[in-house]
Amino acid sequence: MFLISDAQAQTATAAADPTGGFSSIIMMVLMFVVLYFLMIRPQQKRAKEHKALLDALAKGDEVVTAGGMAGTVIELRDTFVKVAVAPNVEVLIQRSSIGAVLPKGSLTA
């Protein structure tokens, strides 16, 4: 009987508070807003910057791939880029796998 009376008391309290449903909706909206500004928006910004980096690629740029391979761009195609990684060694990689463009002269050491 003790547990049943507690359940009735909680139900009566919830029914007496008419703003309980509205406050939970506000909390859900606030959680979504925080999620958007902490996770979704920065990811979209990074994707836009990466697309701009890939669009600005030019012959002679020194790049690093997502796998860590560094080389110089020697040919640009629609979806692929030919990169020279060593003398007489050329590699064909996808544009999307390019992680960064290095400053000129970074690879000549």
Protein backbone atom coordinates (compact mmCIF):
# COMPACT_ATOMS: atom_id res chain seq x y z
CA MET A 1 0.00 0.00 0.00
CA PHE A 2 2.87 2.34 0.70
CA LEU A 3 4.02 2.35 -2.96
CA ILE A 4 0.52 2.83 -4.33
CA SER A 5 -0.08 5.95 -2.25
CA ASP A 6 3.23 7.43 -3.45
CA ALA A 7 2.25 6.87 -7.05
CA GLN A 8 -1.08 8.55 -6.46
CA ALA A 9 0.62 11.49 -4.78
CA GLN A 10 3.00 11.94 -7.74
CA THR A 11 0.14 11.75 -10.22
CA ALA A 12 -1.85 14.33 -8.33
CA THR A 13 1.13 16.71 -8.23
CA ALA A 14 1.78 16.34 -11.96
CA ALA A 15 -1.87 16.96 -12.78
CA ALA A 16 -1.90 20.09 -10.59
CA ASP A 17 1.07 21.62 -12.51
CA PRO A 18 -0.24 22.67 -15.94
CA THR A 19 3.13 24.07 -17.12
CA GLY A 20 4.94 20.72 -16.79
CA GLY A 21 4.44 19.79 -20.47
CA PHE A 22 5.39 23.24 -21.75
CA SER A 23 8.63 23.35 -19.78
CA SER A 24 9.69 19.96 -21.14
CA ILE A 25 9.12 21.20 -24.70
CA ILE A 26 11.24 24.26 -23.97
CA MET A 27 14.01 22.03 -22.58
CA MET A 28 13.94 19.86 -25.73
CA VAL A 29 14.18 22.95 -27.96
CA LEU A 30 17.06 24.31 -25.88
CA MET A 31 18.88 20.97 -26.10
CA PHE A 32 18.48 20.98 -29.90
CA VAL A 33 19.80 24.56 -30.14
CA VAL A 34 22.85 23.66 -28.04
CA LEU A 35 23.41 20.53 -30.17
CA TYR A 36 23.21 22.64 -33.34
CA PHE A 37 25.75 25.23 -32.18
CA LEU A 38 28.17 22.71 -30.66
CA MET A 39 28.13 19.95 -33.28
CA ILE A 40 26.25 20.60 -36.52
CA ARG A 41 27.31 24.18 -37.30
CA PRO A 42 31.10 23.63 -36.83
CA GLN A 43 30.94 20.50 -39.00
CA GLN A 44 29.20 22.43 -41.79
CA LYS A 45 31.80 25.18 -41.51
CA ARG A 46 34.67 22.67 -41.80
CA ALA A 47 33.02 21.05 -44.84
CA LYS A 48 32.66 24.44 -46.54
CA GLU A 49 36.33 25.29 -45.86
CA HIS A 50 37.47 21.91 -47.22
CA LYS A 51 35.41 22.40 -50.38
CA ALA A 52 36.97 25.84 -50.88
CA LEU A 53 40.43 24.30 -50.40
CA LEU A 54 39.73 21.65 -53.05
CA ASP A 55 38.31 24.21 -55.49
CA ALA A 56 41.42 26.39 -55.12
CA LEU A 57 43.88 23.56 -55.89
CA ALA A 58 46.34 24.40 -58.64
CA LYS A 59 49.20 22.68 -60.41
CA GLY A 60 52.39 22.97 -58.33
CA ASP A 61 50.64 23.10 -54.93
CA GLU A 62 52.22 21.00 -52.20
CA VAL A 63 49.59 18.90 -50.44
CA VAL A 64 49.18 16.35 -47.68
CA THR A 65 46.58 13.60 -48.05
CA ALA A 66 44.30 12.36 -45.29
CA GLY A 67 46.56 9.29 -45.08
CA GLY A 68 49.64 11.43 -44.47
CA MET A 69 51.27 11.18 -47.90
CA ALA A 70 52.85 14.46 -49.02
CA GLY A 71 53.56 15.52 -52.58
CA THR A 72 53.25 18.10 -55.32
CA VAL A 73 50.19 18.38 -57.57
CA ILE A 74 51.17 17.80 -61.20
CA GLU A 75 47.78 17.24 -62.84
CA LEU A 76 44.18 18.09 -61.93
CA ARG A 77 41.17 16.08 -63.09
CA ASP A 78 37.48 16.21 -62.18
CA THR A 79 37.56 13.83 -59.23
CA PHE A 80 41.22 12.81 -59.11
CA VAL A 81 44.56 14.58 -58.68
CA LYS A 82 47.93 13.27 -59.82
CA VAL A 83 50.55 13.91 -57.14
CA ALA A 84 54.32 13.45 -57.42
CA VAL A 85 55.52 11.97 -54.12
CA ALA A 86 59.13 11.30 -55.16
CA PRO A 87 61.25 11.65 -58.30
CA ASN A 88 59.62 9.52 -61.04
CA VAL A 89 56.83 8.42 -58.66
CA GLU A 90 53.32 9.71 -59.38
CA VAL A 91 50.20 8.74 -57.47
CA LEU A 92 46.59 9.24 -58.52
CA ILE A 93 44.41 10.17 -55.53
CA GLN A 94 40.86 11.39 -55.01
CA ARG A 95 40.42 15.13 -54.51
CA SER A 96 38.40 14.57 -51.34
CA SER A 97 41.33 12.78 -49.69
CA ILE A 98 43.50 15.91 -49.74
CA GLY A 99 43.73 17.13 -46.18
CA ALA A 100 45.80 20.31 -46.42
CA VAL A 101 47.75 22.52 -48.79
CA LEU A 102 51.26 23.25 -47.54
CA PRO A 103 53.16 26.51 -48.00
CA LYS A 104 55.43 26.56 -51.05
CA GLY A 105 58.86 25.03 -50.39
CA SER A 106 57.72 22.87 -47.45
CA LEU A 107 58.67 19.58 -49.13
CA THR A 108 62.10 20.61 -50.40
CA ALA A 109 64.42 20.02 -47.49
